[in-house]
Amino acid sequence: MSYLSIGLKWAQKFAGTVLEVTLDPDTANRYLILSDDGKQVSLGDIKQDVPENPKRFDVGLCVLAKQGFSSGRFYYEVQVKGKTEWSLGVARESINRKGKFIYTPVNGFWAVILRNDNQYTACESPMLSFSLKVKPEIVGVFVDYEEGLVSFYDVGSRSHIYLSTLKLYPYFNPGLNNEGRNSNPLIITSSH
């Protein structure tokens, strides 16, 4: 059985048990606005008045989840409907949060990126561009830590987006606002 079919099988099994994920305000870039319930993130126009700390991203428009994992399997979903750019996936606890960085597994990121409304990239070394027939509205992320798998799924069409081959944290970047065309927040969903 291939890694892809194993990942899809487990993601379908876990789809009924979506992990409860909340955003960690201590890691959020100062330009990011988090909802009070820790389920939504969007980009603001001005820096938020929050204290500096070593966990906070200072350049990357990123935020991690409060929940971290170093074993087992987990699955979570993120609503990306109406977004023209975003990136999401998982990151190592030890990632560099200061200065510029490139989203690759070598740097501790396993993610899928959307830019310019239809340019998808998988964070690999080198970066891997791909296309999708249907733009997903909800992306499911499944991680099997022991197998070293990170899989991305279009929840609506029940189709596979990408598989990457790790303590990990769910990671989110709402993308630039693009003059208001990308102002919708990323929304962590409990179920669909």
Protein backbone atom coordinates (compact mmCIF):
# COMPACT_ATOMS: atom_id res chain seq x y z
CA MET A 1 0.00 0.00 0.00
CA SER A 2 1.38 3.43 -0.95
CA TYR A 3 1.96 6.32 1.47
CA LEU A 4 -0.75 8.21 -0.43
CA SER A 5 -3.39 5.53 0.10
CA ILE A 6 -2.36 5.09 3.76
CA GLY A 7 -2.62 8.83 4.33
CA LEU A 8 -5.98 9.11 2.56
CA LYS A 9 -7.35 6.14 4.51
CA TRP A 10 -6.33 7.64 7.84
CA ALA A 11 -7.47 11.15 6.90
CA GLN A 12 -10.93 9.81 6.00
CA LYS A 13 -11.04 7.93 9.31
CA PHE A 14 -9.97 11.03 11.26
CA ALA A 15 -12.23 13.42 9.32
CA GLY A 16 -15.01 12.66 11.80
CA THR A 17 -12.66 13.54 14.68
CA VAL A 18 -11.19 16.90 13.82
CA LEU A 19 -8.54 18.04 16.29
CA GLU A 20 -9.43 21.07 18.39
CA VAL A 21 -6.76 23.61 17.35
CA THR A 22 -6.35 27.12 18.75
CA LEU A 23 -3.89 29.79 17.65
CA ASP A 24 -1.08 30.82 20.00
CA PRO A 25 -1.09 34.63 20.31
CA ASP A 26 2.46 34.54 21.71
CA THR A 27 3.74 33.30 18.32
CA ALA A 28 1.68 35.61 16.06
CA ASN A 29 3.44 38.21 13.93
CA ARG A 30 2.46 41.69 15.17
CA TYR A 31 0.51 42.41 11.97
CA LEU A 32 -1.76 39.40 12.43
CA ILE A 33 -5.18 39.76 14.03
CA LEU A 34 -6.44 36.73 15.94
CA SER A 35 -10.06 36.22 16.93
CA ASP A 36 -10.87 36.05 20.64
CA ASP A 37 -11.61 32.32 20.37
CA GLY A 38 -8.22 31.64 18.70
CA LYS A 39 -9.85 30.15 15.59
CA GLN A 40 -9.33 32.90 12.98
CA VAL A 41 -6.32 34.81 11.72
CA SER A 42 -6.15 37.67 9.25
CA LEU A 43 -3.65 40.36 8.31
CA GLY A 44 -4.11 43.86 9.73
CA ASP A 45 -2.82 47.15 8.36
CA ILE A 46 -0.95 48.17 11.51
CA LYS A 47 1.16 46.41 14.12
CA GLN A 48 -0.78 45.07 17.07
CA ASP A 49 0.28 46.30 20.50
CA VAL A 50 1.63 43.01 21.82
CA PRO A 51 4.80 42.29 23.80
CA GLU A 52 7.90 41.03 22.01
CA ASN A 53 9.00 37.54 22.98
CA PRO A 54 11.29 34.83 21.53
CA LYS A 55 8.33 32.74 20.32
CA ARG A 56 6.88 35.54 18.15
CA PHE A 57 7.47 35.68 14.37
CA ASP A 58 8.95 39.10 13.60
CA VAL A 59 9.05 39.05 9.77
CA GLY A 60 7.10 35.99 8.59
CA LEU A 61 3.34 36.59 8.67
CA CYS A 62 2.89 33.41 10.67
CA VAL A 63 1.24 32.04 13.77
CA LEU A 64 1.50 28.58 15.30
CA ALA A 65 -1.14 26.64 17.18
CA LYS A 66 -0.92 26.22 20.94
CA GLN A 67 -1.02 22.46 20.48
CA GLY A 68 2.22 20.70 19.58
CA PHE A 69 2.77 17.05 18.75
CA SER A 70 5.74 14.75 18.84
CA SER A 71 4.00 11.41 18.27
CA GLY A 72 0.84 9.79 16.96
CA ARG A 73 -1.61 10.89 14.29
CA PHE A 74 -3.70 14.03 14.10
CA TYR A 75 -6.01 15.76 11.66
CA TYR A 76 -7.30 19.34 11.47
CA GLU A 77 -9.19 21.44 8.94
CA VAL A 78 -8.88 25.07 7.84
CA GLN A 79 -11.43 27.07 5.85
CA VAL A 80 -9.67 28.88 2.99
CA LYS A 81 -12.83 29.91 1.11
CA GLY A 82 -12.54 33.36 -0.48
CA LYS A 83 -8.75 33.54 0.01
CA THR A 84 -6.44 34.42 -2.89
CA GLU A 85 -3.32 33.49 -0.96
CA TRP A 86 -2.45 31.50 2.13
CA SER A 87 -0.08 28.89 3.42
CA LEU A 88 -0.71 26.25 6.04
CA GLY A 89 0.72 23.01 7.29
CA VAL A 90 2.92 22.05 10.21
CA ALA A 91 6.21 23.33 11.58
CA ARG A 92 8.92 22.09 13.93
CA GLU A 93 8.95 23.64 17.39
CA SER A 94 12.54 24.78 16.78
CA ILE A 95 11.89 26.82 13.60
CA ASN A 96 13.58 30.19 13.27
CA ARG A 97 10.99 32.86 14.04
CA LYS A 98 13.26 35.87 13.58
CA GLY A 99 14.13 37.34 10.20
CA LYS A 100 13.32 36.00 6.75
CA PHE A 101 13.18 32.29 6.01
CA ILE A 102 12.20 29.92 3.23
CA TYR A 103 9.33 27.48 3.81
CA THR A 104 11.05 24.11 3.35
CA PRO A 105 11.34 20.90 5.38
CA VAL A 106 15.04 21.70 5.91
CA ASN A 107 13.91 24.88 7.69
CA GLY A 108 11.19 23.02 9.60
CA PHE A 109 8.07 23.67 7.48
CA TRP A 110 5.80 21.15 5.76
CA ALA A 111 3.21 23.29 4.03
CA VAL A 112 1.13 24.01 0.96
CA ILE A 113 1.01 27.58 -0.36
CA LEU A 114 -1.51 29.41 -2.56
CA ARG A 115 -0.44 32.68 -4.23
CA ASN A 116 -2.16 34.85 -6.86
CA ASP A 117 -5.45 32.94 -6.56
CA ASN A 118 -4.30 29.83 -8.48
CA GLN A 119 -0.56 29.20 -8.02
CA TYR A 120 -0.08 26.28 -5.64
CA THR A 121 3.30 25.29 -4.25
CA ALA A 122 4.38 22.47 -1.96
CA CYS A 123 7.16 23.36 0.44
CA GLU A 124 9.89 21.00 -0.66
CA SER A 125 13.55 21.41 -1.61
CA PRO A 126 13.25 22.67 -4.32
CA MET A 127 9.74 24.12 -4.12
CA LEU A 128 7.22 22.12 -6.16
CA SER A 129 4.50 23.91 -8.16
CA PHE A 130 1.27 22.08 -8.94
CA SER A 131 -2.26 22.84 -10.10
CA LEU A 132 -5.67 21.85 -8.81
CA LYS A 133 -8.80 21.40 -10.93
CA VAL A 134 -11.03 22.72 -8.16
CA LYS A 135 -10.09 25.43 -5.66
CA PRO A 136 -10.57 23.97 -2.16
CA GLU A 137 -12.80 25.72 0.38
CA ILE A 138 -11.63 23.66 3.34
CA VAL A 139 -8.20 22.04 3.53
CA GLY A 140 -7.67 19.03 5.76
CA VAL A 141 -4.18 18.39 7.13
CA PHE A 142 -3.33 14.87 8.32
CA VAL A 143 -0.07 14.03 10.09
CA ASP A 144 1.18 10.54 10.90
CA TYR A 145 4.24 11.30 12.99
CA GLU A 146 5.57 7.74 13.16
CA GLU A 147 5.30 7.26 9.38
CA GLY A 148 6.72 10.75 8.72
CA LEU A 149 3.70 11.74 6.59
CA VAL A 150 2.05 15.12 6.17
CA SER A 151 -0.94 14.97 3.80
CA PHE A 152 -3.18 17.75 2.53
CA TYR A 153 -6.77 17.17 1.35
CA ASP A 154 -9.63 19.09 -0.25
CA VAL A 155 -12.37 18.27 2.24
CA GLY A 156 -15.24 19.27 -0.08
CA SER A 157 -14.20 17.06 -2.98
CA ARG A 158 -12.65 14.40 -0.70
CA SER A 159 -9.54 14.50 -2.84
CA HIS A 160 -5.85 14.50 -2.11
CA ILE A 161 -3.92 17.76 -2.64
CA TYR A 162 -0.37 16.86 -1.64
CA LEU A 163 1.69 14.42 0.46
CA SER A 164 5.02 15.34 2.06
CA THR A 165 7.52 13.01 3.65
CA LEU A 166 9.10 15.90 11.83
CA LYS A 167 7.54 18.17 17.87
CA LEU A 168 5.19 19.68 15.04
CA TYR A 169 2.67 22.52 15.29
CA PRO A 170 -0.21 23.42 12.99
CA TYR A 171 0.89 26.56 11.16
CA PHE A 172 -1.04 29.31 9.36
CA ASN A 173 -0.30 32.38 7.20
CA PRO A 174 -3.32 34.36 5.92
CA GLY A 175 -1.37 36.00 3.07
CA LEU A 176 -1.25 39.65 2.02
CA ASN A 177 -4.55 41.56 1.77
CA ASN A 178 -4.05 42.41 -1.94
CA GLU A 179 -6.00 45.67 -1.73
CA GLY A 180 -8.87 43.98 0.09
CA ARG A 181 -9.27 41.04 -2.31
CA ASN A 182 -7.80 38.69 0.31
CA SER A 183 -9.28 40.13 3.51
CA ASN A 184 -11.15 36.97 4.57
CA PRO A 185 -9.58 35.27 7.58
CA LEU A 186 -8.35 31.69 7.64
CA ILE A 187 -10.81 29.90 9.93
CA ILE A 188 -10.05 26.73 11.87
CA THR A 189 -13.15 24.57 11.61
CA SER A 190 -14.47 22.12 14.18
CA SER A 191 -16.43 20.06 11.67
CA HIS A 192 -18.06 20.48 8.27
